[in-house]
Every structure is written in structure tokens, then in C-alpha cells.
Amino acid sequence: MTAPAPQSPSDASGGPGSPGPQDAATLLDAPGPPGDPHPAGAVRAGAAATAPTADRVRISGAVWGALAIVYVLWGSTYLAIRITIETMPTFLSAGSRALVAGLVLLALVAWRRGPAAVRVSRRQLGSAALVGVLLLTGGNGLVVLGEHSIPSGLAALLVAIVPLWMVLLPVAFGGARPRPAALGGVLLGLAGLAVLSSPAFGGDIAPAGVIAVVAATLTWAAGSFAARRISMPSDAFAASAYQMIAGGVASLLVALGRGEQHGFDPAQVSGRSWLALAYLVVFGSLVAFTAYAWLLQSAPLTLVATYAYVNPVVAVLLGWLVFAEPLTGPILCGGGIVVAAVCLVVSTERRR
């Protein structure tokens, strides 16, 4: 989701010894939050179920930098997906994107940190595969499917349901009730996105596309929730690589099951679709998804979820800049409400 994924990066450098993640290579060297002895803020296997300590809740410069990456890059991927599927099949494009990015990241982790960094137990590999299938085959794949019949901006707006699922899922599994301010921030964000999307619902919208994207938000939220509570590889970036590989393979299997390979001729794919796919591989998956996976293990979940408020605003602005889509009153008003909601959620997490 771009999806996928994730801030006001006022201090992207994070101070001495804490460089802000600007690309995948820099992310591999980024230290975790203060007091975290593990590389890149990764938690040990089995520790994902524990609540963050008071020290970890303090938001570091590296967290702000990773959030900025997910905010901006994932907001741009909705347009890139739309361009990719102009001449490429749905799950073939989504699967190849994730698989290539995962293999590149795995090689990069092994090169920068040594082969030991990518060694995982069978249980950890299974956990990473489960999360990858939920996030990428279910989450990203269904968004790509939905964008065949609904505008990319509307898809981005619908993805804003993710924070609501992230608040409700812990409660459904016996977790503590969310703070009133955090819940208010989620509801305020959804209200802002309702204002943003109101003009879109005045026209003819394909129900199947809307259902596909809403289903994508639930599987994405479930994957994000599970990643915090099951035994994952201790290296956050190795975990991200295995997730992308598993999600890519599963998406390709779905593509084969749908018969997308029949009649597909790579020579008929347009140059702009190839460029858009390359952008999705490098920036949507390798950079932004890696940043998102790191954030899931290094920052409060409700703070990470605020990407779903900002991504639609970025998508709408890019639509205005690239395709001359009009900036209407509801868009400007809804965008202001969304920013206010992000500020409310962030301030709530900083006080914890």
C-alpha cells in the first residue's frame, strides 16, 4: 500500500550518531531509538509482543526520517501503480515488484552485515512470510486490483481506514482501550478524509474496486498488527526482505491462478509502465516498505499509522501537479482536517 506504508522531519539527522534514513543503504546503518541495543531498532525474536518501554516511545530523528519517507513516497505510489497497470497485469506487476525488491534487499543486508544477519529460524521465516502475504499480496495486491476500476486518489482516500483497524484490532484481541485523544485523532482523520472523498462519491464508482481496496486495508492492518506480536527475524531489514519475497511469490501464484500470463507480451508494455514499475520497486518497496518495516519495530503503532492520513493528501497534490486535477474546496478543507488529526495523534504519542 502504498501502497502501501510511512512527520514533520524537522530533525532528520537525529543528532550525532543517529543519521536519518534517506535510502535503503543508509537505513541499514541507522541506529534504533535511544536505549535500544539491537541493530536498526529491531526487537529480538519473541519480543514483538511486549509493549514499548518509556524510552522507546521517545521519538528519535531516525523515526521522523523514516516517517517522512513513508509519508511522501507511498503517497506517490498510487499514481505510479495507475501508470504501471495501464499495460501490465495486476498481480504480475505487484508480485514482480515485491519479489525483485525483496531479493535486492536481502542481498544488500547480507553484504552490509554479513551472512549471519539473514539467517533465521523456520518459525521466524514462517512469521515473516505470513506478514508479507498479508501486507503485500492482500494489502498491496488488492489496492492494485482496485485501481483498475476506481481513481488512484480515491484508492488513497479509502486506505485511510487502516488506522481505524489498527486501533480496533488490539481491542478485539484483549488489548487496552485506546486513549480518548488517540481515538479522537483517528476519527478526526477519517472525517477529514470523508470531506476529501465526498466529490468522488458524486459520480459513478465501481463497487468492486471500492470493496477490493477496503479489503486491502483490513489485510494490511492485520499484517501490521501481527508483525508486532509474533516471532519475527531479529534484523528488521532481513525481516522486510523475507516479507517482500514471500508476498511477491504469493502474488505471482495468484497471477497464475487468475491466468494473467495468458496473452501477456512484455514487448507490448509501454515505456512509462516500465519506468513506473521501476519506481515502485526502488522507492515504493525497497526504500519505503523497508522504512515501514523498521518503524513497526521502532515506533508506536498509532504513530506509524498516521501515514494513512498523509498519503492521500500527497496523492491528491501529485494529481494536481502531474495531471492538472483541480484543487477544490473539499480537498483543501479535508486536507487541513487531516493535518490536524496527524498533529493530535503525534502529540498524544509523545506524551505517553
Protein backbone atom coordinates (compact mmCIF):
# COMPACT_ATOMS: atom_id res chain seq x y z
CA MET A 1 0.00 0.00 0.00
CA THR A 2 1.50 2.33 -0.93
CA ALA A 3 0.71 1.11 -1.13
CA PRO A 4 1.36 0.70 0.81
CA ALA A 5 3.37 2.42 4.11
CA PRO A 6 5.40 5.59 6.49
CA GLN A 7 6.25 13.64 10.37
CA SER A 8 7.46 16.66 10.00
CA PRO A 9 11.11 15.73 9.58
CA SER A 10 12.44 18.76 11.37
CA ASP A 11 15.41 16.79 12.65
CA ALA A 12 16.08 14.14 10.02
CA SER A 13 19.70 13.77 11.07
CA GLY A 14 18.65 12.68 14.56
CA GLY A 15 21.76 14.20 16.09
CA PRO A 16 25.29 12.74 16.30
CA GLY A 17 25.42 9.01 15.64
CA SER A 18 21.77 8.82 14.54
CA PRO A 19 21.59 9.52 10.79
CA GLY A 20 18.12 9.84 9.31
CA PRO A 21 17.35 7.04 6.81
CA GLN A 22 17.42 8.55 3.33
CA ASP A 23 17.70 5.32 1.33
CA ALA A 24 17.95 1.58 1.87
CA ALA A 25 21.73 1.61 2.39
CA THR A 26 21.52 4.39 4.98
CA LEU A 27 18.63 2.64 6.70
CA LEU A 28 20.83 -0.40 7.20
CA ASP A 29 23.21 1.69 9.31
CA ALA A 30 20.58 3.70 11.20
CA PRO A 31 20.61 3.02 14.96
CA GLY A 32 17.43 2.35 16.86
CA PRO A 33 15.78 4.65 19.36
CA PRO A 34 17.73 5.70 22.48
CA GLY A 35 18.44 2.77 24.76
CA ASP A 36 17.83 0.13 22.06
CA PRO A 37 20.89 -2.16 21.80
CA HIS A 38 19.69 -4.01 18.71
CA PRO A 39 20.67 -3.10 15.14
CA ALA A 40 18.28 -0.74 13.36
CA GLY A 41 15.86 -0.80 16.27
CA ALA A 42 14.95 -4.46 15.65
CA VAL A 43 13.40 -6.40 18.52
CA ARG A 44 14.56 -9.87 19.43
CA ALA A 45 12.51 -12.87 18.31
CA GLY A 46 9.56 -13.31 20.62
CA ALA A 47 9.83 -9.77 21.99
CA ALA A 48 7.42 -8.29 19.48
CA ALA A 49 4.51 -8.89 21.84
CA THR A 50 5.95 -6.64 24.53
CA ALA A 51 4.83 -3.06 24.84
CA PRO A 52 7.37 -0.33 24.05
CA THR A 53 9.21 1.00 27.07
CA ALA A 54 9.09 4.64 28.03
CA ASP A 55 12.48 5.21 26.43
CA ARG A 56 11.39 3.70 23.10
CA VAL A 57 8.29 5.90 22.96
CA ARG A 58 10.53 8.96 22.68
CA ILE A 59 10.51 9.82 19.02
CA SER A 60 14.04 9.97 17.58
CA GLY A 61 15.28 11.74 14.49
CA ALA A 62 15.60 8.39 12.70
CA VAL A 63 11.90 7.74 13.33
CA TRP A 64 10.96 11.15 11.93
CA GLY A 65 13.11 10.49 8.85
CA ALA A 66 11.56 7.09 8.23
CA LEU A 67 8.07 8.54 8.68
CA ALA A 68 8.86 11.27 6.13
CA ILE A 69 9.95 8.62 3.63
CA VAL A 70 6.73 6.65 4.03
CA TYR A 71 4.59 9.80 4.01
CA VAL A 72 5.95 11.11 0.71
CA LEU A 73 6.99 8.00 -1.24
CA TRP A 74 3.91 5.92 -0.51
CA GLY A 75 1.74 8.90 -1.35
CA SER A 76 3.34 8.98 -4.80
CA THR A 77 2.94 5.26 -5.48
CA TYR A 78 -0.80 5.46 -6.14
CA LEU A 79 -0.11 7.35 -9.36
CA ALA A 80 2.78 5.01 -10.20
CA ILE A 81 0.50 1.98 -9.77
CA ARG A 82 -2.09 3.51 -12.08
CA ILE A 83 0.58 4.06 -14.76
CA THR A 84 2.02 0.56 -14.30
CA ILE A 85 -1.26 -1.27 -14.81
CA GLU A 86 -2.01 0.66 -17.99
CA THR A 87 -0.16 -2.08 -19.89
CA MET A 88 0.79 -4.66 -17.22
CA PRO A 89 -1.36 -7.31 -15.45
CA THR A 90 -2.40 -6.68 -11.85
CA PHE A 91 -0.76 -9.36 -9.71
CA LEU A 92 2.11 -9.99 -12.14
CA SER A 93 3.20 -6.38 -11.71
CA ALA A 94 2.58 -6.37 -7.93
CA GLY A 95 4.37 -9.71 -7.46
CA SER A 96 7.39 -8.87 -9.59
CA ARG A 97 7.73 -5.54 -7.81
CA ALA A 98 7.82 -7.15 -4.35
CA LEU A 99 9.98 -10.13 -5.35
CA VAL A 100 12.68 -8.06 -7.05
CA ALA A 101 12.81 -5.57 -4.20
CA GLY A 102 12.98 -8.35 -1.60
CA LEU A 103 15.84 -10.17 -3.33
CA VAL A 104 17.80 -6.92 -3.72
CA LEU A 105 17.28 -6.01 -0.06
CA LEU A 106 18.27 -9.50 1.13
CA ALA A 107 21.50 -9.30 -0.86
CA LEU A 108 22.16 -5.81 0.48
CA VAL A 109 21.66 -6.93 4.09
CA ALA A 110 23.99 -9.92 3.62
CA TRP A 111 26.61 -7.68 2.01
CA ARG A 112 26.46 -4.88 4.60
CA ARG A 113 26.03 -7.01 7.73
CA GLY A 114 27.29 -10.45 6.78
CA PRO A 115 25.51 -13.76 6.14
CA ALA A 116 24.61 -14.13 9.83
CA ALA A 117 22.19 -11.21 9.52
CA VAL A 118 19.95 -13.11 7.10
CA ARG A 119 19.95 -16.43 8.98
CA VAL A 120 16.56 -17.08 10.54
CA SER A 121 14.79 -19.96 12.21
CA ARG A 122 11.98 -21.82 10.49
CA ARG A 123 9.48 -20.21 12.84
CA GLN A 124 10.79 -16.71 12.13
CA LEU A 125 10.73 -17.36 8.39
CA GLY A 126 7.14 -18.55 8.60
CA SER A 127 6.16 -15.46 10.59
CA ALA A 128 7.82 -13.14 8.08
CA ALA A 129 6.10 -14.98 5.22
CA LEU A 130 2.69 -14.63 6.89
CA VAL A 131 3.17 -10.91 7.43
CA GLY A 132 4.45 -10.49 3.87
CA VAL A 133 1.42 -12.22 2.36
CA LEU A 134 -0.96 -10.10 4.44
CA LEU A 135 0.81 -6.82 3.69
CA LEU A 136 1.75 -7.33 0.05
CA THR A 137 -0.47 -9.96 -1.56
CA GLY A 138 -3.54 -8.93 0.39
CA GLY A 139 -2.80 -5.28 1.06
CA ASN A 140 -0.84 -4.02 -1.93
CA GLY A 141 -2.21 -6.56 -4.41
CA LEU A 142 -5.84 -5.70 -3.70
CA VAL A 143 -5.10 -1.98 -3.99
CA VAL A 144 -3.60 -2.59 -7.44
CA LEU A 145 -6.68 -4.63 -8.34
CA GLY A 146 -8.99 -1.88 -7.13
CA GLU A 147 -7.20 0.79 -9.14
CA HIS A 148 -8.37 -0.88 -12.34
CA SER A 149 -11.85 0.47 -11.68
CA ILE A 150 -11.51 3.45 -9.33
CA PRO A 151 -9.28 6.57 -9.44
CA SER A 152 -5.91 6.40 -7.70
CA GLY A 153 -6.83 9.35 -5.48
CA LEU A 154 -9.97 7.61 -4.26
CA ALA A 155 -7.95 4.45 -3.57
CA ALA A 156 -5.59 6.52 -1.43
CA LEU A 157 -8.54 8.02 0.44
CA LEU A 158 -10.04 4.60 1.15
CA VAL A 159 -6.73 3.36 2.55
CA ALA A 160 -7.25 5.81 5.40
CA ILE A 161 -9.41 3.15 7.05
CA VAL A 162 -6.15 1.44 8.11
CA PRO A 163 -5.63 3.46 11.34
CA LEU A 164 -9.15 2.61 12.47
CA TRP A 165 -8.45 -1.12 12.06
CA MET A 166 -5.13 -0.64 13.92
CA VAL A 167 -6.97 0.90 16.85
CA LEU A 168 -9.73 -1.74 16.89
CA LEU A 169 -7.63 -4.89 16.36
CA PRO A 170 -5.76 -4.71 19.71
CA VAL A 171 -9.10 -4.21 21.50
CA ALA A 172 -10.54 -7.25 19.71
CA PHE A 173 -7.63 -9.36 20.99
CA GLY A 174 -7.95 -8.25 24.60
CA GLY A 175 -5.69 -5.22 24.45
CA ALA A 176 -6.13 -1.98 26.35
CA ARG A 177 -8.59 0.58 25.14
CA PRO A 178 -7.05 3.40 23.11
CA ARG A 179 -6.62 6.77 24.75
CA PRO A 180 -9.54 9.08 24.04
CA ALA A 181 -7.22 11.57 22.32
CA ALA A 182 -5.77 8.88 20.03
CA LEU A 183 -9.22 7.59 19.15
CA GLY A 184 -10.37 11.16 18.58
CA GLY A 185 -7.42 11.70 16.25
CA VAL A 186 -8.35 8.62 14.22
CA LEU A 187 -11.98 9.69 13.96
CA LEU A 188 -10.99 13.24 13.08
CA GLY A 189 -8.70 11.93 10.36
CA LEU A 190 -11.48 9.79 8.93
CA ALA A 191 -13.81 12.78 8.99
CA GLY A 192 -11.26 14.80 7.05
CA LEU A 193 -10.87 12.05 4.52
CA ALA A 194 -14.65 11.83 4.18
CA VAL A 195 -14.65 15.51 3.25
CA LEU A 196 -11.82 14.86 0.79
CA SER A 197 -13.65 11.96 -0.85
CA SER A 198 -17.12 13.49 -0.97
CA PRO A 199 -16.80 14.78 -4.57
CA ALA A 200 -15.69 11.34 -5.77
CA PHE A 201 -18.84 9.68 -4.46
CA GLY A 202 -20.95 12.04 -6.52
CA GLY A 203 -20.08 10.14 -9.71
CA ASP A 204 -20.18 6.55 -10.81
CA ILE A 205 -17.83 4.49 -8.65
CA ALA A 206 -17.37 0.77 -9.28
CA PRO A 207 -18.39 -1.11 -6.11
CA ALA A 208 -15.94 -3.96 -6.80
CA GLY A 209 -13.00 -1.56 -6.78
CA VAL A 210 -14.10 0.01 -3.50
CA ILE A 211 -14.61 -3.43 -1.90
CA ALA A 212 -11.16 -4.57 -3.07
CA VAL A 213 -9.41 -1.56 -1.52
CA VAL A 214 -11.38 -1.78 1.74
CA ALA A 215 -10.42 -5.47 1.97
CA ALA A 216 -6.82 -4.42 1.33
CA THR A 217 -6.92 -2.07 4.32
CA LEU A 218 -8.06 -4.88 6.62
CA THR A 219 -5.35 -7.32 5.47
CA TRP A 220 -2.70 -4.58 5.70
CA ALA A 221 -3.76 -3.66 9.23
CA ALA A 222 -3.81 -7.36 10.20
CA GLY A 223 -0.28 -7.80 8.86
CA SER A 224 0.96 -4.73 10.71
CA PHE A 225 -0.73 -5.93 13.91
CA ALA A 226 0.70 -9.45 13.58
CA ALA A 227 4.23 -8.15 12.95
CA ARG A 228 4.28 -6.76 16.49
CA ARG A 229 3.06 -9.96 18.15
CA ILE A 230 4.72 -12.97 16.54
CA SER A 231 8.31 -14.17 16.42
CA MET A 232 9.99 -12.21 13.61
CA PRO A 233 13.63 -12.22 12.41
CA SER A 234 15.68 -10.12 14.81
CA ASP A 235 17.07 -7.97 11.98
CA ALA A 236 14.29 -5.63 10.83
CA PHE A 237 15.67 -5.36 7.31
CA ALA A 238 16.13 -9.08 6.83
CA ALA A 239 12.54 -9.45 8.04
CA SER A 240 11.43 -6.86 5.48
CA ALA A 241 13.26 -8.71 2.71
CA TYR A 242 11.67 -12.06 3.58
CA GLN A 243 8.26 -10.39 3.76
CA MET A 244 8.65 -8.92 0.28
CA ILE A 245 9.92 -12.21 -1.17
CA ALA A 246 7.01 -14.17 0.34
CA GLY A 247 4.48 -11.54 -0.70
CA GLY A 248 5.94 -11.42 -4.20
CA VAL A 249 5.86 -15.19 -4.66
CA ALA A 250 2.28 -15.38 -3.34
CA SER A 251 1.19 -12.56 -5.67
CA LEU A 252 2.75 -14.32 -8.67
CA LEU A 253 0.89 -17.50 -7.71
CA VAL A 254 -2.34 -15.50 -7.59
CA ALA A 255 -1.49 -14.08 -11.02
CA LEU A 256 -1.01 -17.58 -12.41
CA GLY A 257 -4.29 -18.68 -10.84
CA ARG A 258 -6.04 -15.74 -12.49
CA GLY A 259 -4.44 -16.59 -15.85
CA GLU A 260 -2.69 -13.23 -16.16
CA GLN A 261 0.18 -14.87 -18.04
CA HIS A 262 -2.08 -15.75 -20.98
CA GLY A 263 -1.66 -13.23 -23.77
CA PHE A 264 0.85 -11.17 -21.80
CA ASP A 265 3.69 -9.94 -24.00
CA PRO A 266 6.44 -7.92 -22.25
CA ALA A 267 7.23 -6.29 -25.60
CA GLN A 268 3.78 -4.67 -25.52
CA VAL A 269 4.41 -2.98 -22.17
CA SER A 270 4.84 0.77 -22.60
CA GLY A 271 8.00 2.58 -21.58
CA ARG A 272 6.12 4.64 -18.99
CA SER A 273 4.75 1.47 -17.39
CA TRP A 274 8.28 0.02 -17.13
CA LEU A 275 9.51 3.27 -15.57
CA ALA A 276 6.60 3.34 -13.14
CA LEU A 277 7.30 -0.28 -12.14
CA ALA A 278 10.98 0.54 -11.59
CA TYR A 279 9.94 3.47 -9.39
CA LEU A 280 7.67 1.18 -7.38
CA VAL A 281 10.45 -1.39 -6.93
CA VAL A 282 13.09 1.09 -5.79
CA PHE A 283 11.12 3.75 -3.93
CA GLY A 284 7.77 2.13 -3.14
CA SER A 285 9.16 -1.23 -1.98
CA LEU A 286 12.91 -1.16 -1.37
CA VAL A 287 13.02 2.22 0.36
CA ALA A 288 9.55 2.98 1.73
CA PHE A 289 8.47 -0.55 2.69
CA THR A 290 11.81 -1.08 4.43
CA ALA A 291 11.29 2.15 6.34
CA TYR A 292 7.77 0.98 7.27
CA ALA A 293 9.02 -2.42 8.48
CA TRP A 294 11.64 -0.66 10.62
CA LEU A 295 9.02 1.69 12.05
CA LEU A 296 6.78 -1.23 13.05
CA GLN A 297 9.54 -2.37 15.40
CA SER A 298 10.80 1.06 16.46
CA ALA A 299 7.86 3.42 16.94
CA PRO A 300 4.35 3.43 18.46
CA LEU A 301 1.88 1.72 16.12
CA THR A 302 -0.64 4.56 16.22
CA LEU A 303 2.10 6.98 15.20
CA VAL A 304 3.15 4.73 12.32
CA ALA A 305 -0.49 4.52 11.22
CA THR A 306 -0.63 8.26 10.57
CA TYR A 307 0.93 7.62 7.16
CA ALA A 308 -2.58 6.70 6.01
CA TYR A 309 -3.71 10.27 6.70
CA VAL A 310 -0.90 11.93 4.81
CA ASN A 311 -0.59 9.59 1.81
CA PRO A 312 -3.97 10.64 0.34
CA VAL A 313 -3.05 14.32 0.63
CA VAL A 314 0.22 13.65 -1.21
CA ALA A 315 -1.64 11.62 -3.84
CA VAL A 316 -4.17 14.41 -4.41
CA LEU A 317 -1.44 17.07 -4.65
CA LEU A 318 0.52 14.98 -7.15
CA GLY A 319 -2.64 14.50 -9.18
CA TRP A 320 -2.95 18.28 -9.29
CA LEU A 321 0.69 18.81 -10.23
CA VAL A 322 1.08 15.95 -12.72
CA PHE A 323 -2.40 15.53 -14.22
CA ALA A 324 -3.83 19.01 -13.55
CA GLU A 325 -6.60 17.63 -11.35
CA PRO A 326 -8.49 20.53 -9.72
CA LEU A 327 -7.92 21.53 -6.09
CA THR A 328 -11.47 22.05 -4.88
CA GLY A 329 -12.82 23.43 -1.61
CA PRO A 330 -13.45 19.96 -0.13
CA ILE A 331 -9.89 18.92 -0.96
CA LEU A 332 -8.38 21.96 0.76
CA CYS A 333 -10.73 21.71 3.75
CA GLY A 334 -10.28 17.96 4.13
CA GLY A 335 -6.52 18.28 3.83
CA GLY A 336 -6.50 20.77 6.72
CA ILE A 337 -8.55 18.42 8.89
CA VAL A 338 -6.17 15.55 8.06
CA VAL A 339 -3.13 17.58 9.14
CA ALA A 340 -4.88 18.48 12.40
CA ALA A 341 -5.63 14.79 13.03
CA VAL A 342 -1.99 13.83 12.48
CA CYS A 343 -0.89 16.52 14.94
CA LEU A 344 -3.35 15.19 17.54
CA VAL A 345 -2.18 11.57 17.23
CA VAL A 346 1.51 12.56 17.25
CA SER A 347 1.12 14.79 20.31
CA THR A 348 -0.75 12.00 22.13
CA GLU A 349 2.06 9.50 21.47
CA ARG A 350 4.76 11.95 22.51
CA ARG A 351 3.07 12.40 25.90
CA ARG A 352 2.96 8.65 26.60
